[in-house]
Structure formats: C-alpha cells, structure tokens
Amino acid sequence: LGRKNHVLYDIKYILNVDEADGRL
C-alpha cells in the first residue's frame, strides 16, 4: 500500500516487532 519509501506504524500489535517501522 505504501510508496517505495514509507513508514508502517502499528498501534495494535498486529505485526511482529521486526515487521513494523514503529509501534506503541
């Protein structure tokens, strides 16, 4: 869904820690 360079942020712990660029 993102452009070549993007940020993926996970508020709900849907992804593993190494899959998101940031999360709570």
PDB file of all heavy atoms in Angstrom:
ATOM      1  N   LEU A   1       0.817  -1.204   0.000  1.00  0.00           N
ATOM      2  CA  LEU A   1       0.000   0.000   0.000  1.00  0.00           C
ATOM      3  C   LEU A   1       0.860   1.268   0.000  1.00  0.00           C
ATOM      4  O   LEU A   1       0.403   2.339  -0.396  1.00  0.00           O
ATOM      5  CB  LEU A   1      -0.926   0.024   1.225  1.00  0.00           C
ATOM      6  CG  LEU A   1      -1.972  -1.097   1.320  1.00  0.00           C
ATOM      7  CD1 LEU A   1      -2.629  -1.084   2.692  1.00  0.00           C
ATOM      8  CD2 LEU A   1      -3.015  -0.933   0.223  1.00  0.00           C
ATOM      9  N   GLY A   2       2.085   1.128   0.451  1.00  0.00           N
ATOM     10  CA  GLY A   2       2.971   2.277   0.567  1.00  0.00           C
ATOM     11  C   GLY A   2       3.816   2.521  -0.667  1.00  0.00           C
ATOM     12  O   GLY A   2       3.976   1.655  -1.532  1.00  0.00           O
ATOM     13  N   ARG A   3       4.348   3.724  -0.732  1.00  0.00           N
ATOM     14  CA  ARG A   3       5.341   4.035  -1.754  1.00  0.00           C
ATOM     15  C   ARG A   3       6.630   3.282  -1.456  1.00  0.00           C
ATOM     16  O   ARG A   3       6.753   2.629  -0.428  1.00  0.00           O
ATOM     17  CB  ARG A   3       5.592   5.539  -1.797  1.00  0.00           C
ATOM     18  CG  ARG A   3       4.391   6.348  -2.301  1.00  0.00           C
ATOM     19  CD  ARG A   3       4.657   7.839  -2.280  1.00  0.00           C
ATOM     20  NE  ARG A   3       3.558   8.584  -2.892  1.00  0.00           N
ATOM     21  CZ  ARG A   3       3.459   9.881  -2.942  1.00  0.00           C
ATOM     22  NH1 ARG A   3       4.417  10.623  -2.382  1.00  0.00           N
ATOM     23  NH2 ARG A   3       2.413  10.484  -3.532  1.00  0.00           N
ATOM     24  N   LYS A   4       7.596   3.407  -2.360  1.00  0.00           N
ATOM     25  CA  LYS A   4       8.857   2.693  -2.175  1.00  0.00           C
ATOM     26  C   LYS A   4       9.469   3.019  -0.813  1.00  0.00           C
ATOM     27  O   LYS A   4       9.973   2.151  -0.108  1.00  0.00           O
ATOM     28  CB  LYS A   4       9.830   3.043  -3.302  1.00  0.00           C
ATOM     29  CG  LYS A   4      11.112   2.219  -3.258  1.00  0.00           C
ATOM     30  CD  LYS A   4      11.985   2.523  -4.460  1.00  0.00           C
ATOM     31  CE  LYS A   4      13.262   1.680  -4.410  1.00  0.00           C
ATOM     32  NZ  LYS A   4      14.152   1.968  -5.594  1.00  0.00           N
ATOM     33  N   ASN A   5       9.416   4.279  -0.436  1.00  0.00           N
ATOM     34  CA  ASN A   5       9.909   4.727   0.862  1.00  0.00           C
ATOM     35  C   ASN A   5       8.710   5.174   1.705  1.00  0.00           C
ATOM     36  O   ASN A   5       8.050   6.155   1.372  1.00  0.00           O
ATOM     37  CB  ASN A   5      10.898   5.883   0.690  1.00  0.00           C
ATOM     38  CG  ASN A   5      11.559   6.287   2.003  1.00  0.00           C
ATOM     39  OD1 ASN A   5      11.723   5.475   2.914  1.00  0.00           O
ATOM     40  ND2 ASN A   5      11.940   7.552   2.108  1.00  0.00           N
ATOM     41  N   HIS A   6       8.408   4.446   2.762  1.00  0.00           N
ATOM     42  CA  HIS A   6       7.224   4.751   3.572  1.00  0.00           C
ATOM     43  C   HIS A   6       7.446   4.307   5.016  1.00  0.00           C
ATOM     44  O   HIS A   6       8.422   3.620   5.340  1.00  0.00           O
ATOM     45  CB  HIS A   6       5.980   4.063   2.998  1.00  0.00           C
ATOM     46  CG  HIS A   6       6.029   2.567   3.086  1.00  0.00           C
ATOM     47  ND1 HIS A   6       6.550   1.788   2.071  1.00  0.00           N
ATOM     48  CD2 HIS A   6       5.650   1.706   4.051  1.00  0.00           C
ATOM     49  CE1 HIS A   6       6.475   0.511   2.424  1.00  0.00           C
ATOM     50  NE2 HIS A   6       5.943   0.427   3.616  1.00  0.00           N
ATOM     51  N   VAL A   7       6.496   4.681   5.863  1.00  0.00           N
ATOM     52  CA  VAL A   7       6.503   4.271   7.273  1.00  0.00           C
ATOM     53  C   VAL A   7       5.273   3.416   7.550  1.00  0.00           C
ATOM     54  O   VAL A   7       4.161   3.786   7.176  1.00  0.00           O
ATOM     55  CB  VAL A   7       6.505   5.501   8.218  1.00  0.00           C
ATOM     56  CG1 VAL A   7       6.218   5.080   9.657  1.00  0.00           C
ATOM     57  CG2 VAL A   7       7.839   6.228   8.137  1.00  0.00           C
ATOM     58  N   LEU A   8       5.487   2.288   8.192  1.00  0.00           N
ATOM     59  CA  LEU A   8       4.394   1.404   8.619  1.00  0.00           C
ATOM     60  C   LEU A   8       4.382   1.380  10.147  1.00  0.00           C
ATOM     61  O   LEU A   8       5.322   0.892  10.770  1.00  0.00           O
ATOM     62  CB  LEU A   8       4.595  -0.001   8.049  1.00  0.00           C
ATOM     63  CG  LEU A   8       3.575  -1.072   8.465  1.00  0.00           C
ATOM     64  CD1 LEU A   8       2.159  -0.675   8.063  1.00  0.00           C
ATOM     65  CD2 LEU A   8       3.937  -2.426   7.824  1.00  0.00           C
ATOM     66  N   TYR A   9       3.314   1.929  10.723  1.00  0.00           N
ATOM     67  CA  TYR A   9       3.233   2.051  12.188  1.00  0.00           C
ATOM     68  C   TYR A   9       2.066   1.220  12.711  1.00  0.00           C
ATOM     69  O   TYR A   9       0.952   1.289  12.209  1.00  0.00           O
ATOM     70  CB  TYR A   9       3.069   3.514  12.596  1.00  0.00           C
ATOM     71  CG  TYR A   9       3.290   3.755  14.081  1.00  0.00           C
ATOM     72  CD1 TYR A   9       4.553   4.075  14.561  1.00  0.00           C
ATOM     73  CD2 TYR A   9       2.247   3.671  14.991  1.00  0.00           C
ATOM     74  CE1 TYR A   9       4.771   4.300  15.911  1.00  0.00           C
ATOM     75  CE2 TYR A   9       2.455   3.891  16.342  1.00  0.00           C
ATOM     76  CZ  TYR A   9       3.722   4.203  16.803  1.00  0.00           C
ATOM     77  OH  TYR A   9       3.945   4.425  18.154  1.00  0.00           O
ATOM     78  N   ASP A  10       2.336   0.466  13.759  1.00  0.00           N
ATOM     79  CA  ASP A  10       1.373  -0.498  14.285  1.00  0.00           C
ATOM     80  C   ASP A  10       0.982  -0.134  15.721  1.00  0.00           C
ATOM     81  O   ASP A  10       1.773  -0.295  16.654  1.00  0.00           O
ATOM     82  CB  ASP A  10       1.996  -1.903  14.235  1.00  0.00           C
ATOM     83  CG  ASP A  10       1.046  -2.995  14.680  1.00  0.00           C
ATOM     84  OD1 ASP A  10      -0.156  -2.719  14.887  1.00  0.00           O
ATOM     85  OD2 ASP A  10       1.506  -4.139  14.817  1.00  0.00           O
ATOM     86  N   ILE A  11      -0.252   0.344  15.894  1.00  0.00           N
ATOM     87  CA  ILE A  11      -0.744   0.670  17.234  1.00  0.00           C
ATOM     88  C   ILE A  11      -1.221  -0.571  17.968  1.00  0.00           C
ATOM     89  O   ILE A  11      -1.123  -0.664  19.185  1.00  0.00           O
ATOM     90  CB  ILE A  11      -1.897   1.707  17.145  1.00  0.00           C
ATOM     91  CG1 ILE A  11      -1.376   3.041  16.615  1.00  0.00           C
ATOM     92  CG2 ILE A  11      -2.555   1.927  18.511  1.00  0.00           C
ATOM     93  CD1 ILE A  11      -2.467   4.085  16.427  1.00  0.00           C
ATOM     94  N   LYS A  12      -1.714  -1.571  17.237  1.00  0.00           N
ATOM     95  CA  LYS A  12      -2.453  -2.696  17.827  1.00  0.00           C
ATOM     96  C   LYS A  12      -1.663  -3.998  17.915  1.00  0.00           C
ATOM     97  O   LYS A  12      -2.249  -5.052  18.204  1.00  0.00           O
ATOM     98  CB  LYS A  12      -3.736  -2.934  17.026  1.00  0.00           C
ATOM     99  CG  LYS A  12      -4.665  -1.730  16.995  1.00  0.00           C
ATOM    100  CD  LYS A  12      -5.180  -1.342  18.349  1.00  0.00           C
ATOM    101  CE  LYS A  12      -6.059  -2.404  18.961  1.00  0.00           C
ATOM    102  NZ  LYS A  12      -6.622  -2.002  20.251  1.00  0.00           N
ATOM    103  N   TYR A  13      -0.366  -3.968  17.688  1.00  0.00           N
ATOM    104  CA  TYR A  13       0.458  -5.182  17.750  1.00  0.00           C
ATOM    105  C   TYR A  13      -0.045  -6.251  16.779  1.00  0.00           C
ATOM    106  O   TYR A  13      -0.070  -7.454  17.082  1.00  0.00           O
ATOM    107  CB  TYR A  13       0.515  -5.757  19.171  1.00  0.00           C
ATOM    108  CG  TYR A  13       1.185  -4.864  20.183  1.00  0.00           C
ATOM    109  CD1 TYR A  13       0.966  -5.011  21.528  1.00  0.00           C
ATOM    110  CD2 TYR A  13       2.052  -3.858  19.797  1.00  0.00           C
ATOM    111  CE1 TYR A  13       1.588  -4.197  22.478  1.00  0.00           C
ATOM    112  CE2 TYR A  13       2.678  -3.033  20.717  1.00  0.00           C
ATOM    113  CZ  TYR A  13       2.436  -3.211  22.049  1.00  0.00           C
ATOM    114  OH  TYR A  13       3.069  -2.397  22.978  1.00  0.00           O
ATOM    115  N   ILE A  14      -0.454  -5.810  15.596  1.00  0.00           N
ATOM    116  CA  ILE A  14      -0.878  -6.729  14.552  1.00  0.00           C
ATOM    117  C   ILE A  14       0.336  -7.434  13.938  1.00  0.00           C
ATOM    118  O   ILE A  14       0.306  -8.606  13.614  1.00  0.00           O
ATOM    119  CB  ILE A  14      -1.689  -5.977  13.483  1.00  0.00           C
ATOM    120  CG1 ILE A  14      -3.026  -5.500  14.079  1.00  0.00           C
ATOM    121  CG2 ILE A  14      -1.920  -6.843  12.255  1.00  0.00           C
ATOM    122  CD1 ILE A  14      -3.818  -4.581  13.174  1.00  0.00           C
ATOM    123  N   LEU A  15       1.420  -6.682  13.807  1.00  0.00           N
ATOM    124  CA  LEU A  15       2.651  -7.194  13.213  1.00  0.00           C
ATOM    125  C   LEU A  15       3.672  -7.548  14.288  1.00  0.00           C
ATOM    126  O   LEU A  15       3.577  -7.085  15.432  1.00  0.00           O
ATOM    127  CB  LEU A  15       3.247  -6.161  12.265  1.00  0.00           C
ATOM    128  CG  LEU A  15       2.367  -5.715  11.095  1.00  0.00           C
ATOM    129  CD1 LEU A  15       2.988  -4.531  10.387  1.00  0.00           C
ATOM    130  CD2 LEU A  15       2.146  -6.866  10.126  1.00  0.00           C
ATOM    131  N   ASN A  16       4.639  -8.358  13.905  1.00  0.00           N
ATOM    132  CA  ASN A  16       5.761  -8.627  14.799  1.00  0.00           C
ATOM    133  C   ASN A  16       6.640  -7.385  14.893  1.00  0.00           C
ATOM    134  O   ASN A  16       6.602  -6.507  14.018  1.00  0.00           O
ATOM    135  CB  ASN A  16       6.591  -9.808  14.287  1.00  0.00           C
ATOM    136  CG  ASN A  16       5.813 -11.112  14.318  1.00  0.00           C
ATOM    137  OD1 ASN A  16       5.023 -11.359  15.229  1.00  0.00           O
ATOM    138  ND2 ASN A  16       6.030 -11.965  13.306  1.00  0.00           N
ATOM    139  N   VAL A  17       7.451  -7.332  15.941  1.00  0.00           N
ATOM    140  CA  VAL A  17       8.247  -6.142  16.206  1.00  0.00           C
ATOM    141  C   VAL A  17       9.190  -5.808  15.055  1.00  0.00           C
ATOM    142  O   VAL A  17       9.468  -4.638  14.781  1.00  0.00           O
ATOM    143  CB  VAL A  17       9.026  -6.300  17.532  1.00  0.00           C
ATOM    144  CG1 VAL A  17      10.036  -7.460  17.446  1.00  0.00           C
ATOM    145  CG2 VAL A  17       9.732  -5.003  17.913  1.00  0.00           C
ATOM    146  N   ASP A  18       9.688  -6.826  14.357  1.00  0.00           N
ATOM    147  CA  ASP A  18      10.633  -6.580  13.266  1.00  0.00           C
ATOM    148  C   ASP A  18       9.950  -6.320  11.925  1.00  0.00           C
ATOM    149  O   ASP A  18      10.608  -6.079  10.920  1.00  0.00           O
ATOM    150  CB  ASP A  18      11.602  -7.765  13.124  1.00  0.00           C
ATOM    151  CG  ASP A  18      10.892  -9.088  12.873  1.00  0.00           C
ATOM    152  OD1 ASP A  18       9.658  -9.176  13.099  1.00  0.00           O
ATOM    153  OD2 ASP A  18      11.555 -10.050  12.429  1.00  0.00           O
ATOM    154  N   GLU A  19       8.612  -6.333  11.907  1.00  0.00           N
ATOM    155  CA  GLU A  19       7.888  -6.122  10.658  1.00  0.00           C
ATOM    156  C   GLU A  19       7.401  -4.684  10.503  1.00  0.00           C
ATOM    157  O   GLU A  19       7.194  -4.219   9.386  1.00  0.00           O
ATOM    158  CB  GLU A  19       6.697  -7.078  10.581  1.00  0.00           C
ATOM    159  CG  GLU A  19       7.089  -8.544  10.465  1.00  0.00           C
ATOM    160  CD  GLU A  19       5.881  -9.460  10.435  1.00  0.00           C
ATOM    161  OE1 GLU A  19       4.889  -9.182  11.155  1.00  0.00           O
ATOM    162  OE2 GLU A  19       5.938 -10.487   9.704  1.00  0.00           O
ATOM    163  N   ALA A  20       7.206  -3.992  11.600  1.00  0.00           N
ATOM    164  CA  ALA A  20       6.734  -2.614  11.557  1.00  0.00           C
ATOM    165  C   ALA A  20       7.903  -1.655  11.761  1.00  0.00           C
ATOM    166  O   ALA A  20       8.903  -1.991  12.403  1.00  0.00           O
ATOM    167  CB  ALA A  20       5.672  -2.385  12.630  1.00  0.00           C
ATOM    168  N   ASP A  21       7.763  -0.444  11.233  1.00  0.00           N
ATOM    169  CA  ASP A  21       8.790   0.573  11.447  1.00  0.00           C
ATOM    170  C   ASP A  21       8.697   1.187  12.841  1.00  0.00           C
ATOM    171  O   ASP A  21       9.669   1.729  13.358  1.00  0.00           O
ATOM    172  CB  ASP A  21       8.661   1.678  10.395  1.00  0.00           C
ATOM    173  CG  ASP A  21       8.894   1.153   8.991  1.00  0.00           C
ATOM    174  OD1 ASP A  21       9.943   0.519   8.764  1.00  0.00           O
ATOM    175  OD2 ASP A  21       8.017   1.357   8.122  1.00  0.00           O
ATOM    176  N   GLY A  22       7.534   1.079  13.430  1.00  0.00           N
ATOM    177  CA  GLY A  22       7.341   1.585  14.780  1.00  0.00           C
ATOM    178  C   GLY A  22       6.011   1.094  15.330  1.00  0.00           C
ATOM    179  O   GLY A  22       5.106   0.734  14.576  1.00  0.00           O
ATOM    180  N   ARG A  23       5.898   1.057  16.646  1.00  0.00           N
ATOM    181  CA  ARG A  23       4.637   0.694  17.292  1.00  0.00           C
ATOM    182  C   ARG A  23       4.673   1.136  18.750  1.00  0.00           C
ATOM    183  O   ARG A  23       5.734   1.500  19.278  1.00  0.00           O
ATOM    184  CB  ARG A  23       4.378  -0.808  17.184  1.00  0.00           C
ATOM    185  CG  ARG A  23       5.420  -1.722  17.773  1.00  0.00           C
ATOM    186  CD  ARG A  23       5.015  -3.163  17.546  1.00  0.00           C
ATOM    187  NE  ARG A  23       5.829  -4.109  18.292  1.00  0.00           N
ATOM    188  CZ  ARG A  23       5.488  -5.382  18.499  1.00  0.00           C
ATOM    189  NH1 ARG A  23       4.381  -5.858  18.009  1.00  0.00           N
ATOM    190  NH2 ARG A  23       6.273  -6.176  19.194  1.00  0.00           N
ATOM    191  N   LEU A  24       3.522   1.114  19.401  1.00  0.00           N
ATOM    192  CA  LEU A  24       3.456   1.500  20.799  1.00  0.00           C
ATOM    193  C   LEU A  24       4.208   0.518  21.676  1.00  0.00           C
ATOM    194  O   LEU A  24       4.315  -0.663  21.354  1.00  0.00           O
ATOM    195  CB  LEU A  24       1.994   1.591  21.254  1.00  0.00           C
ATOM    196  CG  LEU A  24       1.220   2.843  20.806  1.00  0.00           C
ATOM    197  CD1 LEU A  24      -0.194   2.799  21.331  1.00  0.00           C
ATOM    198  CD2 LEU A  24       1.909   4.116  21.302  1.00  0.00           C
TER     199      LEU A  24
END
